[in-house]
């Protein structure tokens, strides 16, 4: 059901964030920046083009931010 999918992704993202911190690499939770509006999602897992655009912009901003810090 949708609620179990949401909880599974929350748990999965928590694990990924912890591993990223341990490995000293950047972590970007793009799922949290894409609005839940159906115009951004094809289903509970996959973005439509507008969601992919937000995802790409978010990742690009993080890459630029991390390069400025180095």
PDB file of N, CA and C in Angstrom:
ATOM      1  N   UNK A   1       0.838  -1.189   0.000  1.00  0.00           N
ATOM      2  CA  UNK A   1       0.000   0.000   0.000  1.00  0.00           C
ATOM      3  C   UNK A   1       0.878   1.245   0.000  1.00  0.00           C
ATOM      4  N   UNK A   2       0.328   2.398  -0.315  1.00  0.00           N
ATOM      5  CA  UNK A   2       1.144   3.611  -0.397  1.00  0.00           C
ATOM      6  C   UNK A   2       1.868   3.957   0.903  1.00  0.00           C
ATOM      7  N   UNK A   3       1.213   3.762   2.029  1.00  0.00           N
ATOM      8  CA  UNK A   3       1.861   4.104   3.309  1.00  0.00           C
ATOM      9  C   UNK A   3       3.091   3.238   3.570  1.00  0.00           C
ATOM     10  N   UNK A   4       3.007   1.956   3.260  1.00  0.00           N
ATOM     11  CA  UNK A   4       4.167   1.090   3.481  1.00  0.00           C
ATOM     12  C   UNK A   4       5.303   1.456   2.527  1.00  0.00           C
ATOM     13  N   UNK A   5       4.969   1.886   1.319  1.00  0.00           N
ATOM     14  CA  UNK A   5       5.996   2.329   0.369  1.00  0.00           C
ATOM     15  C   UNK A   5       6.689   3.578   0.887  1.00  0.00           C
ATOM     16  N   UNK A   6       5.911   4.515   1.386  1.00  0.00           N
ATOM     17  CA  UNK A   6       6.480   5.752   1.946  1.00  0.00           C
ATOM     18  C   UNK A   6       7.401   5.433   3.116  1.00  0.00           C
ATOM     19  N   UNK A   7       6.965   4.565   4.013  1.00  0.00           N
ATOM     20  CA  UNK A   7       7.796   4.196   5.172  1.00  0.00           C
ATOM     21  C   UNK A   7       9.059   3.464   4.731  1.00  0.00           C
ATOM     22  N   UNK A   8       8.939   2.596   3.755  1.00  0.00           N
ATOM     23  CA  UNK A   8      10.121   1.872   3.256  1.00  0.00           C
ATOM     24  C   UNK A   8      11.151   2.841   2.697  1.00  0.00           C
ATOM     25  N   UNK A   9      10.703   3.849   1.951  1.00  0.00           N
ATOM     26  CA  UNK A   9      11.641   4.832   1.418  1.00  0.00           C
ATOM     27  C   UNK A   9      12.239   5.705   2.510  1.00  0.00           C
ATOM     28  N   UNK A  10      11.461   6.027   3.514  1.00  0.00           N
ATOM     29  CA  UNK A  10      12.020   6.794   4.648  1.00  0.00           C
ATOM     30  C   UNK A  10      13.163   6.017   5.290  1.00  0.00           C
ATOM     31  N   UNK A  11      12.918   4.753   5.562  1.00  0.00           N
ATOM     32  CA  UNK A  11      13.939   3.904   6.180  1.00  0.00           C
ATOM     33  C   UNK A  11      15.152   3.779   5.266  1.00  0.00           C
ATOM     34  N   UNK A  12      14.908   3.515   3.991  1.00  0.00           N
ATOM     35  CA  UNK A  12      15.987   3.377   3.006  1.00  0.00           C
ATOM     36  C   UNK A  12      16.826   4.657   2.946  1.00  0.00           C
ATOM     37  N   UNK A  13      16.170   5.823   2.915  1.00  0.00           N
ATOM     38  CA  UNK A  13      16.893   7.089   2.866  1.00  0.00           C
ATOM     39  C   UNK A  13      17.690   7.342   4.137  1.00  0.00           C
ATOM     40  N   UNK A  14      17.166   6.937   5.279  1.00  0.00           N
ATOM     41  CA  UNK A  14      17.910   7.078   6.530  1.00  0.00           C
ATOM     42  C   UNK A  14      19.189   6.244   6.488  1.00  0.00           C
ATOM     43  N   UNK A  15      19.086   5.045   5.963  1.00  0.00           N
ATOM     44  CA  UNK A  15      20.260   4.175   5.838  1.00  0.00           C
ATOM     45  C   UNK A  15      21.273   4.796   4.876  1.00  0.00           C
ATOM     46  N   UNK A  16      20.790   5.265   3.717  1.00  0.00           N
ATOM     47  CA  UNK A  16      21.699   5.883   2.747  1.00  0.00           C
ATOM     48  C   UNK A  16      22.391   7.110   3.326  1.00  0.00           C
ATOM     49  N   UNK A  17      21.648   7.915   4.066  1.00  0.00           N
ATOM     50  CA  UNK A  17      22.239   9.111   4.671  1.00  0.00           C
ATOM     51  C   UNK A  17      23.333   8.735   5.671  1.00  0.00           C
ATOM     52  N   UNK A  18      23.073   7.723   6.475  1.00  0.00           N
ATOM     53  CA  UNK A  18      24.063   7.261   7.454  1.00  0.00           C
ATOM     54  C   UNK A  18      25.317   6.727   6.756  1.00  0.00           C
ATOM     55  N   UNK A  19      25.133   5.941   5.716  1.00  0.00           N
ATOM     56  CA  UNK A  19      26.279   5.396   4.977  1.00  0.00           C
ATOM     57  C   UNK A  19      27.070   6.528   4.321  1.00  0.00           C
ATOM     58  N   UNK A  20      26.378   7.497   3.741  1.00  0.00           N
ATOM     59  CA  UNK A  20      27.056   8.634   3.121  1.00  0.00           C
ATOM     60  C   UNK A  20      27.901   9.392   4.145  1.00  0.00           C
ATOM     61  N   UNK A  21      27.362   9.592   5.334  1.00  0.00           N
ATOM     62  CA  UNK A  21      28.123  10.274   6.385  1.00  0.00           C
ATOM     63  C   UNK A  21      29.356   9.461   6.769  1.00  0.00           C
ATOM     64  N   UNK A  22      29.192   8.154   6.900  1.00  0.00           N
ATOM     65  CA  UNK A  22      30.320   7.287   7.253  1.00  0.00           C
ATOM     66  C   UNK A  22      31.400   7.296   6.178  1.00  0.00           C
ATOM     67  N   UNK A  23      30.978   7.374   4.921  1.00  0.00           N
ATOM     68  CA  UNK A  23      31.912   7.353   3.791  1.00  0.00           C
ATOM     69  C   UNK A  23      32.391   8.760   3.410  1.00  0.00           C
ATOM     70  N   UNK A  24      31.861   9.764   4.098  1.00  0.00           N
ATOM     71  CA  UNK A  24      32.216  11.161   3.856  1.00  0.00           C
ATOM     72  C   UNK A  24      31.921  11.584   2.413  1.00  0.00           C
ATOM     73  N   UNK A  25      30.727  11.234   1.960  1.00  0.00           N
ATOM     74  CA  UNK A  25      30.259  11.655   0.638  1.00  0.00           C
ATOM     75  C   UNK A  25      28.950  12.419   0.796  1.00  0.00           C
ATOM     76  N   UNK A  26      28.635  13.236  -0.185  1.00  0.00           N
ATOM     77  CA  UNK A  26      27.408  14.028  -0.127  1.00  0.00           C
ATOM     78  C   UNK A  26      26.182  13.133  -0.303  1.00  0.00           C
ATOM     79  N   UNK A  27      25.129  13.515   0.354  1.00  0.00           N
ATOM     80  CA  UNK A  27      23.846  12.831   0.249  1.00  0.00           C
ATOM     81  C   UNK A  27      22.784  13.879  -0.049  1.00  0.00           C
ATOM     82  N   UNK A  28      21.993  13.644  -1.070  1.00  0.00           N
ATOM     83  CA  UNK A  28      20.909  14.558  -1.415  1.00  0.00           C
ATOM     84  C   UNK A  28      19.618  13.749  -1.449  1.00  0.00           C
ATOM     85  N   UNK A  29      18.712  14.060  -0.557  1.00  0.00           N
ATOM     86  CA  UNK A  29      17.418  13.377  -0.515  1.00  0.00           C
ATOM     87  C   UNK A  29      16.484  14.071  -1.499  1.00  0.00           C
ATOM     88  N   UNK A  30      16.608  13.710  -2.772  1.00  0.00           N
ATOM     89  CA  UNK A  30      15.817  14.392  -3.795  1.00  0.00           C
ATOM     90  C   UNK A  30      14.332  14.102  -3.656  1.00  0.00           C
ATOM     91  N   UNK A  31      14.001  12.964  -3.100  1.00  0.00           N
ATOM     92  CA  UNK A  31      12.589  12.637  -2.922  1.00  0.00           C
ATOM     93  C   UNK A  31      11.901  13.687  -2.040  1.00  0.00           C
ATOM     94  N   UNK A  32      12.620  14.225  -1.093  1.00  0.00           N
ATOM     95  CA  UNK A  32      12.017  15.198  -0.183  1.00  0.00           C
ATOM     96  C   UNK A  32      11.835  16.579  -0.817  1.00  0.00           C
ATOM     97  N   UNK A  33      12.516  16.867  -1.925  1.00  0.00           N
ATOM     98  CA  UNK A  33      12.372  18.183  -2.551  1.00  0.00           C
ATOM     99  C   UNK A  33      11.370  18.182  -3.703  1.00  0.00           C
ATOM    100  N   UNK A  34      10.963  17.000  -4.142  1.00  0.00           N
ATOM    101  CA  UNK A  34       9.961  16.916  -5.211  1.00  0.00           C
ATOM    102  C   UNK A  34       8.579  16.915  -4.561  1.00  0.00           C
ATOM    103  N   UNK A  35       7.745  17.893  -4.892  1.00  0.00           N
ATOM    104  CA  UNK A  35       6.412  17.949  -4.282  1.00  0.00           C
ATOM    105  C   UNK A  35       5.615  16.661  -4.522  1.00  0.00           C
ATOM    106  N   UNK A  36       4.704  16.357  -3.637  1.00  0.00           N
ATOM    107  CA  UNK A  36       3.918  15.134  -3.751  1.00  0.00           C
ATOM    108  C   UNK A  36       2.802  15.231  -4.786  1.00  0.00           C
ATOM    109  N   UNK A  37       2.654  16.374  -5.406  1.00  0.00           N
ATOM    110  CA  UNK A  37       1.638  16.582  -6.438  1.00  0.00           C
ATOM    111  C   UNK A  37       1.821  15.580  -7.586  1.00  0.00           C
ATOM    112  N   UNK A  38       0.740  14.981  -8.076  1.00  0.00           N
ATOM    113  CA  UNK A  38       0.826  13.971  -9.135  1.00  0.00           C
ATOM    114  C   UNK A  38       1.491  14.436 -10.436  1.00  0.00           C
ATOM    115  N   UNK A  39       1.565  15.751 -10.643  1.00  0.00           N
ATOM    116  CA  UNK A  39       2.216  16.225 -11.868  1.00  0.00           C
ATOM    117  C   UNK A  39       3.710  15.915 -11.886  1.00  0.00           C
ATOM    118  N   UNK A  40       4.286  15.569 -10.720  1.00  0.00           N
ATOM    119  CA  UNK A  40       5.714  15.283 -10.616  1.00  0.00           C
ATOM    120  C   UNK A  40       6.035  13.789 -10.600  1.00  0.00           C
ATOM    121  N   UNK A  41       5.017  12.962 -10.389  1.00  0.00           N
ATOM    122  CA  UNK A  41       5.234  11.533 -10.152  1.00  0.00           C
ATOM    123  C   UNK A  41       4.468  10.669 -11.151  1.00  0.00           C
ATOM    124  N   UNK A  42       5.147   9.660 -11.692  1.00  0.00           N
ATOM    125  CA  UNK A  42       4.482   8.681 -12.532  1.00  0.00           C
ATOM    126  C   UNK A  42       3.805   7.623 -11.694  1.00  0.00           C
ATOM    127  N   UNK A  43       4.446   7.312 -10.575  1.00  0.00           N
ATOM    128  CA  UNK A  43       3.924   6.372  -9.583  1.00  0.00           C
ATOM    129  C   UNK A  43       4.631   6.679  -8.269  1.00  0.00           C
ATOM    130  N   UNK A  44       4.565   5.796  -7.306  1.00  0.00           N
ATOM    131  CA  UNK A  44       5.140   6.071  -5.981  1.00  0.00           C
ATOM    132  C   UNK A  44       6.664   6.107  -5.993  1.00  0.00           C
ATOM    133  N   UNK A  45       7.277   5.673  -7.079  1.00  0.00           N
ATOM    134  CA  UNK A  45       8.733   5.563  -7.135  1.00  0.00           C
ATOM    135  C   UNK A  45       9.373   6.417  -8.216  1.00  0.00           C
ATOM    136  N   UNK A  46       8.700   6.603  -9.336  1.00  0.00           N
ATOM    137  CA  UNK A  46       9.317   7.211 -10.506  1.00  0.00           C
ATOM    138  C   UNK A  46       8.790   8.620 -10.775  1.00  0.00           C
ATOM    139  N   UNK A  47       9.740   9.506 -11.078  1.00  0.00           N
ATOM    140  CA  UNK A  47       9.389  10.889 -11.402  1.00  0.00           C
ATOM    141  C   UNK A  47       8.911  10.996 -12.841  1.00  0.00           C
ATOM    142  N   UNK A  48       8.019  11.942 -13.068  1.00  0.00           N
ATOM    143  CA  UNK A  48       7.710  12.396 -14.421  1.00  0.00           C
ATOM    144  C   UNK A  48       8.738  13.468 -14.785  1.00  0.00           C
ATOM    145  N   UNK A  49       8.672  14.015 -15.982  1.00  0.00           N
ATOM    146  CA  UNK A  49       9.668  15.001 -16.407  1.00  0.00           C
ATOM    147  C   UNK A  49       9.800  16.180 -15.436  1.00  0.00           C
ATOM    148  N   UNK A  50       8.708  16.772 -14.954  1.00  0.00           N
ATOM    149  CA  UNK A  50       8.875  17.886 -14.001  1.00  0.00           C
ATOM    150  C   UNK A  50       9.600  17.461 -12.705  1.00  0.00           C
ATOM    151  N   UNK A  51       9.324  16.266 -12.225  1.00  0.00           N
ATOM    152  CA  UNK A  51      10.013  15.776 -11.031  1.00  0.00           C
ATOM    153  C   UNK A  51      11.483  15.511 -11.309  1.00  0.00           C
ATOM    154  N   UNK A  52      11.773  14.995 -12.496  1.00  0.00           N
ATOM    155  CA  UNK A  52      13.167  14.749 -12.888  1.00  0.00           C
ATOM    156  C   UNK A  52      13.936  16.061 -13.018  1.00  0.00           C
ATOM    157  N   UNK A  53      13.256  17.097 -13.494  1.00  0.00           N
ATOM    158  CA  UNK A  53      13.901  18.408 -13.622  1.00  0.00           C
ATOM    159  C   UNK A  53      14.282  18.948 -12.248  1.00  0.00           C
ATOM    160  N   UNK A  54      13.363  18.877 -11.304  1.00  0.00           N
ATOM    161  CA  UNK A  54      13.667  19.332  -9.939  1.00  0.00           C
ATOM    162  C   UNK A  54      14.813  18.506  -9.358  1.00  0.00           C
ATOM    163  N   UNK A  55      14.783  17.205  -9.581  1.00  0.00           N
ATOM    164  CA  UNK A  55      15.834  16.320  -9.085  1.00  0.00           C
ATOM    165  C   UNK A  55      17.195  16.718  -9.656  1.00  0.00           C
ATOM    166  N   UNK A  56      17.263  16.909 -10.965  1.00  0.00           N
ATOM    167  CA  UNK A  56      18.522  17.278 -11.613  1.00  0.00           C
ATOM    168  C   UNK A  56      19.035  18.624 -11.098  1.00  0.00           C
ATOM    169  N   UNK A  57      18.143  19.587 -10.957  1.00  0.00           N
ATOM    170  CA  UNK A  57      18.548  20.905 -10.455  1.00  0.00           C
ATOM    171  C   UNK A  57      19.075  20.807  -9.026  1.00  0.00           C
ATOM    172  N   UNK A  58      18.421  19.999  -8.217  1.00  0.00           N
ATOM    173  CA  UNK A  58      18.837  19.836  -6.817  1.00  0.00           C
ATOM    174  C   UNK A  58      20.222  19.192  -6.735  1.00  0.00           C
ATOM    175  N   UNK A  59      20.444  18.163  -7.524  1.00  0.00           N
ATOM    176  CA  UNK A  59      21.747  17.495  -7.524  1.00  0.00           C
ATOM    177  C   UNK A  59      22.826  18.436  -8.048  1.00  0.00           C
ATOM    178  N   UNK A  60      22.532  19.171  -9.119  1.00  0.00           N
ATOM    179  CA  UNK A  60      23.502  20.121  -9.671  1.00  0.00           C
ATOM    180  C   UNK A  60      23.881  21.186  -8.642  1.00  0.00           C
ATOM    181  N   UNK A  61      22.888  21.706  -7.940  1.00  0.00           N
ATOM    182  CA  UNK A  61      23.166  22.708  -6.900  1.00  0.00           C
ATOM    183  C   UNK A  61      24.069  22.136  -5.812  1.00  0.00           C
ATOM    184  N   UNK A  62      23.844  20.896  -5.423  1.00  0.00           N
ATOM    185  CA  UNK A  62      24.674  20.272  -4.388  1.00  0.00           C
ATOM    186  C   UNK A  62      26.097  20.069  -4.891  1.00  0.00           C
ATOM    187  N   UNK A  63      26.250  19.671  -6.139  1.00  0.00           N
ATOM    188  CA  UNK A  63      27.594  19.508  -6.704  1.00  0.00           C
ATOM    189  C   UNK A  63      28.324  20.849  -6.706  1.00  0.00           C
ATOM    190  N   UNK A  64      27.653  21.887  -7.161  1.00  0.00           N
ATOM    191  CA  UNK A  64      28.258  23.222  -7.183  1.00  0.00           C
ATOM    192  C   UNK A  64      28.593  23.673  -5.769  1.00  0.00           C
ATOM    193  N   UNK A  65      27.663  23.489  -4.834  1.00  0.00           N
ATOM    194  CA  UNK A  65      27.903  23.894  -3.435  1.00  0.00           C
ATOM    195  C   UNK A  65      29.105  23.162  -2.860  1.00  0.00           C
ATOM    196  N   UNK A  66      29.204  21.876  -3.101  1.00  0.00           N
ATOM    197  CA  UNK A  66      30.306  21.100  -2.533  1.00  0.00           C
ATOM    198  C   UNK A  66      31.639  21.480  -3.167  1.00  0.00           C
ATOM    199  N   UNK A  67      31.620  21.866  -4.439  1.00  0.00           N
ATOM    200  CA  UNK A  67      32.856  22.307  -5.112  1.00  0.00           C
ATOM    201  C   UNK A  67      33.322  23.645  -4.545  1.00  0.00           C
ATOM    202  N   UNK A  68      32.384  24.523  -4.191  1.00  0.00           N
ATOM    203  CA  UNK A  68      32.742  25.813  -3.630  1.00  0.00           C
ATOM    204  C   UNK A  68      33.353  25.680  -2.257  1.00  0.00           C
ATOM    205  N   UNK A  69      32.938  24.634  -1.532  1.00  0.00           N
ATOM    206  CA  UNK A  69      33.457  24.419  -0.181  1.00  0.00           C
ATOM    207  C   UNK A  69      34.874  23.861  -0.209  1.00  0.00           C
ATOM    208  N   UNK A  70      35.188  23.080  -1.231  1.00  0.00           N
ATOM    209  CA  UNK A  70      36.518  22.427  -1.303  1.00  0.00           C
ATOM    210  C   UNK A  70      37.623  23.402  -1.439  1.00  0.00           C
TER     211      UNK A  70
END
